[in-house]
Amino acid sequence: MGGYYSYDPAFRLTRHVLVVGACGSHAVPATSLLTQRTGLAYTEVLRGIEHRAGRSITEVARTLGPGGMDRLERAVLRTALAEQPHLVAGADLSLDRWAHRRLLRPACVVFVDVGLPTLLARVRQDPLFHRDIGRHAPTRTLGEARVARLLERVRAQRRYAQIVLSGEQTVRALSEAMRRALLEREVLVPAAPATDSGPT
């Protein structure tokens, strides 16, 4: 069976892969699509936080504050990195935090960059971005200056990346570019073909 729930994936990872970018960069949906195409295990950090907290990401940010968000992010990352190598995607993660970098040291970090005009257009078209961006400072207004500040902060994470990809493309094209880049670095490799150990 192929796809996300495959027990016989076509590829395997030689180490963990963390994909990061701003909300609206297509980092998360492109990673999700890659898991569907390869059968690799996958963790999305924001959804992991919501699952642990039992509430939306905006409610978590409002009630727990930055410190609580940091603790939940580390808990999700620690759980993911304790398992077999797999894909981890997070929008607006801060790798500047020493505890995050220590956890992610063994991982291959992929940064998805996107320009402000593209990001603004996507944010204004999709209300889900309002929810995710609202984790930083919940409000009904997402003005250009505010989105620009968020993008500047997220772009500071580029210096931790081994791979930088453009988010100025479709989700499908970005997913394919991610697959090729991971193959070139031998982080993603074809899985060994299954062998029939039964009687002949």
Protein backbone atom coordinates (compact mmCIF):
# COMPACT_ATOMS: atom_id res chain seq x y z
CA MET A 1 0.00 0.00 0.00
CA GLY A 2 1.43 3.42 -0.95
CA GLY A 3 1.09 6.86 0.56
CA TYR A 4 1.21 8.24 4.08
CA TYR A 5 -0.01 5.04 5.76
CA SER A 6 2.37 2.79 3.84
CA TYR A 7 4.08 -0.02 5.70
CA ASP A 8 6.39 -0.58 2.74
CA PRO A 9 7.73 2.93 1.93
CA ALA A 10 9.63 3.50 -1.30
CA PHE A 11 12.22 5.67 0.48
CA ARG A 12 13.88 6.01 3.85
CA LEU A 13 15.72 8.82 5.63
CA THR A 14 19.29 8.54 6.86
CA ARG A 15 18.56 11.20 9.51
CA HIS A 16 15.73 13.43 10.65
CA VAL A 17 14.64 16.27 8.37
CA LEU A 18 13.18 19.50 9.80
CA VAL A 19 11.40 21.76 7.32
CA VAL A 20 10.82 25.33 8.50
CA GLY A 21 9.43 28.53 7.01
CA ALA A 22 6.89 31.25 7.58
CA CYS A 23 3.17 30.49 7.63
CA GLY A 24 2.24 30.81 3.98
CA SER A 25 5.60 29.65 2.62
CA HIS A 26 4.10 26.25 1.66
CA ALA A 27 6.70 24.55 3.90
CA VAL A 28 4.15 22.47 5.79
CA PRO A 29 1.81 21.39 2.94
CA ALA A 30 4.80 20.57 0.70
CA THR A 31 6.27 18.35 3.42
CA SER A 32 2.91 16.68 3.94
CA LEU A 33 2.70 15.97 0.20
CA LEU A 34 6.21 14.52 0.25
CA THR A 35 5.18 12.06 2.96
CA GLN A 36 2.22 10.96 0.85
CA ARG A 37 4.52 10.31 -2.11
CA THR A 38 7.24 8.49 -0.16
CA GLY A 39 5.49 6.79 2.76
CA LEU A 40 7.83 8.49 5.27
CA ALA A 41 6.75 9.13 8.86
CA TYR A 42 5.74 12.73 9.51
CA THR A 43 5.17 15.15 12.40
CA GLU A 44 3.70 18.65 12.03
CA VAL A 45 4.76 20.66 15.06
CA LEU A 46 1.77 23.04 15.34
CA ARG A 47 -0.75 20.21 15.07
CA GLY A 48 1.29 18.28 17.64
CA ILE A 49 1.05 21.23 20.03
CA GLU A 50 -2.71 21.47 19.52
CA HIS A 51 -3.06 17.75 20.16
CA ARG A 52 -1.04 17.90 23.38
CA ALA A 53 -2.81 21.01 24.67
CA GLY A 54 -6.30 20.02 23.53
CA ARG A 55 -6.95 23.51 22.14
CA SER A 56 -6.23 25.67 19.10
CA ILE A 57 -2.78 27.17 18.58
CA THR A 58 -4.18 30.69 19.09
CA GLU A 59 -5.70 29.67 22.44
CA VAL A 60 -2.43 28.01 23.47
CA ALA A 61 -0.46 31.19 22.68
CA ARG A 62 -2.97 33.39 24.51
CA THR A 63 -3.24 31.26 27.65
CA LEU A 64 0.28 29.84 28.01
CA GLY A 65 2.36 32.66 26.53
CA PRO A 66 5.77 32.33 24.84
CA GLY A 67 7.23 30.19 27.62
CA GLY A 68 4.43 27.67 27.41
CA MET A 69 4.68 27.55 23.64
CA ASP A 70 8.41 26.88 23.87
CA ARG A 71 7.88 24.00 26.28
CA LEU A 72 5.22 22.41 24.07
CA GLU A 73 7.35 22.85 20.94
CA ARG A 74 10.28 21.11 22.64
CA ALA A 75 8.03 18.30 23.86
CA VAL A 76 6.72 17.69 20.33
CA LEU A 77 10.23 17.85 18.85
CA ARG A 78 11.67 15.58 21.54
CA THR A 79 9.01 12.94 20.87
CA ALA A 80 9.51 13.13 17.10
CA LEU A 81 13.31 12.96 17.29
CA ALA A 82 13.20 9.97 19.64
CA GLU A 83 11.64 7.88 16.87
CA GLN A 84 13.10 6.56 13.63
CA PRO A 85 14.28 9.28 11.21
CA HIS A 86 11.32 11.06 9.70
CA LEU A 87 10.06 14.39 8.40
CA VAL A 88 9.20 17.16 10.84
CA ALA A 89 7.61 20.40 9.61
CA GLY A 90 7.03 23.58 11.57
CA ALA A 91 5.83 27.03 10.60
CA ASP A 92 7.51 29.91 12.44
CA LEU A 93 9.70 27.76 14.67
CA SER A 94 12.48 29.67 16.38
CA LEU A 95 15.78 27.83 16.05
CA ASP A 96 17.47 30.72 17.86
CA ARG A 97 16.48 29.05 21.10
CA TRP A 98 19.41 27.02 22.37
CA ALA A 99 17.21 24.16 23.61
CA HIS A 100 15.65 23.81 20.16
CA ARG A 101 19.06 23.78 18.43
CA ARG A 102 20.37 21.12 20.81
CA LEU A 103 17.43 18.87 20.01
CA LEU A 104 17.77 19.46 16.27
CA ARG A 105 21.55 19.14 15.96
CA PRO A 106 21.37 15.69 14.29
CA ALA A 107 18.71 16.82 11.80
CA CYS A 108 19.00 18.16 8.27
CA VAL A 109 17.28 21.57 8.35
CA VAL A 110 15.43 22.71 5.21
CA PHE A 111 14.41 26.38 5.09
CA VAL A 112 11.64 27.48 2.72
CA ASP A 113 11.98 31.17 1.83
CA VAL A 114 9.25 33.38 0.40
CA GLY A 115 8.99 37.07 -0.46
CA LEU A 116 6.76 39.52 1.36
CA PRO A 117 4.36 40.19 -1.58
CA THR A 118 3.70 36.46 -2.03
CA LEU A 119 3.31 35.90 1.69
CA LEU A 120 0.87 38.79 2.05
CA ALA A 121 -1.25 37.52 -0.83
CA ARG A 122 -1.44 34.03 0.66
CA VAL A 123 -2.17 35.26 4.17
CA ARG A 124 -5.03 37.42 2.97
CA GLN A 125 -6.55 34.62 0.89
CA ASP A 126 -6.51 31.85 3.49
CA PRO A 127 -8.05 32.34 6.96
CA LEU A 128 -6.01 29.41 8.30
CA PHE A 129 -2.91 31.59 8.14
CA HIS A 130 -4.65 34.09 10.42
CA ARG A 131 -5.02 31.32 12.99
CA ASP A 132 -1.40 30.17 12.77
CA ILE A 133 0.17 33.61 12.61
CA GLY A 134 -2.10 34.62 15.48
CA ARG A 135 -0.07 32.39 17.78
CA HIS A 136 2.46 35.23 18.12
CA ALA A 137 0.06 38.06 18.98
CA PRO A 138 -3.61 37.14 18.52
CA THR A 139 -5.47 39.88 16.70
CA ARG A 140 -8.00 40.29 13.93
CA THR A 141 -5.71 42.59 11.97
CA LEU A 142 -2.82 41.28 9.88
CA GLY A 143 -1.32 44.42 8.38
CA GLU A 144 1.65 44.49 6.04
CA ALA A 145 4.03 45.82 8.71
CA ARG A 146 3.12 43.05 11.11
CA VAL A 147 3.56 40.29 8.53
CA ALA A 148 6.87 41.88 7.45
CA ARG A 149 8.16 41.72 11.03
CA LEU A 150 7.16 38.07 11.33
CA LEU A 151 8.85 37.25 8.02
CA GLU A 152 12.05 39.02 9.08
CA ARG A 153 12.15 37.01 12.30
CA VAL A 154 11.54 33.72 10.51
CA ARG A 155 14.17 34.49 7.86
CA ALA A 156 16.80 34.67 10.59
CA GLN A 157 16.51 30.85 10.75
CA ARG A 158 18.17 30.51 7.32
CA ARG A 159 21.61 30.44 8.90
CA TYR A 160 20.82 27.07 10.52
CA ALA A 161 19.70 25.43 7.26
CA GLN A 162 21.66 22.96 5.17
CA ILE A 163 19.12 23.33 2.33
CA VAL A 164 17.30 26.52 1.28
CA LEU A 165 14.37 26.27 -1.15
CA SER A 166 12.10 28.88 -2.72
CA GLY A 167 8.49 28.99 -1.59
CA GLU A 168 7.62 31.07 -4.67
CA GLN A 169 6.18 27.99 -6.37
CA THR A 170 3.27 25.62 -6.06
CA VAL A 171 3.04 23.10 -3.24
CA ARG A 172 3.62 20.25 -5.71
CA ALA A 173 6.68 21.91 -7.27
CA LEU A 174 8.16 22.69 -3.85
CA SER A 175 7.57 19.12 -2.69
CA GLU A 176 9.42 17.82 -5.75
CA ALA A 177 12.29 20.29 -5.23
CA MET A 178 12.52 19.10 -1.63
CA ARG A 179 12.63 15.46 -2.73
CA ARG A 180 15.42 16.15 -5.23
CA ALA A 181 17.49 18.17 -2.74
CA LEU A 182 17.24 15.44 -0.07
CA LEU A 183 18.18 12.77 -2.62
CA GLU A 184 21.21 14.77 -3.76
CA ARG A 185 22.47 15.01 -0.19
CA GLU A 186 21.70 11.33 0.41
CA VAL A 187 19.43 12.23 3.31
CA LEU A 188 16.62 10.57 1.38
CA VAL A 189 17.55 7.22 -0.17
CA PRO A 190 15.59 4.44 -1.89
CA ALA A 191 14.43 1.80 0.54
CA ALA A 192 15.86 -1.66 0.14
CA PRO A 193 13.42 -3.88 -1.75
CA ALA A 194 11.42 -6.20 0.43
CA THR A 195 12.62 -9.79 0.36
CA ASP A 196 10.46 -12.86 0.54
CA SER A 197 11.85 -14.96 3.37
CA GLY A 198 9.12 -17.59 3.05
CA PRO A 199 9.50 -21.05 1.57
CA THR A 200 10.05 -21.34 -2.17
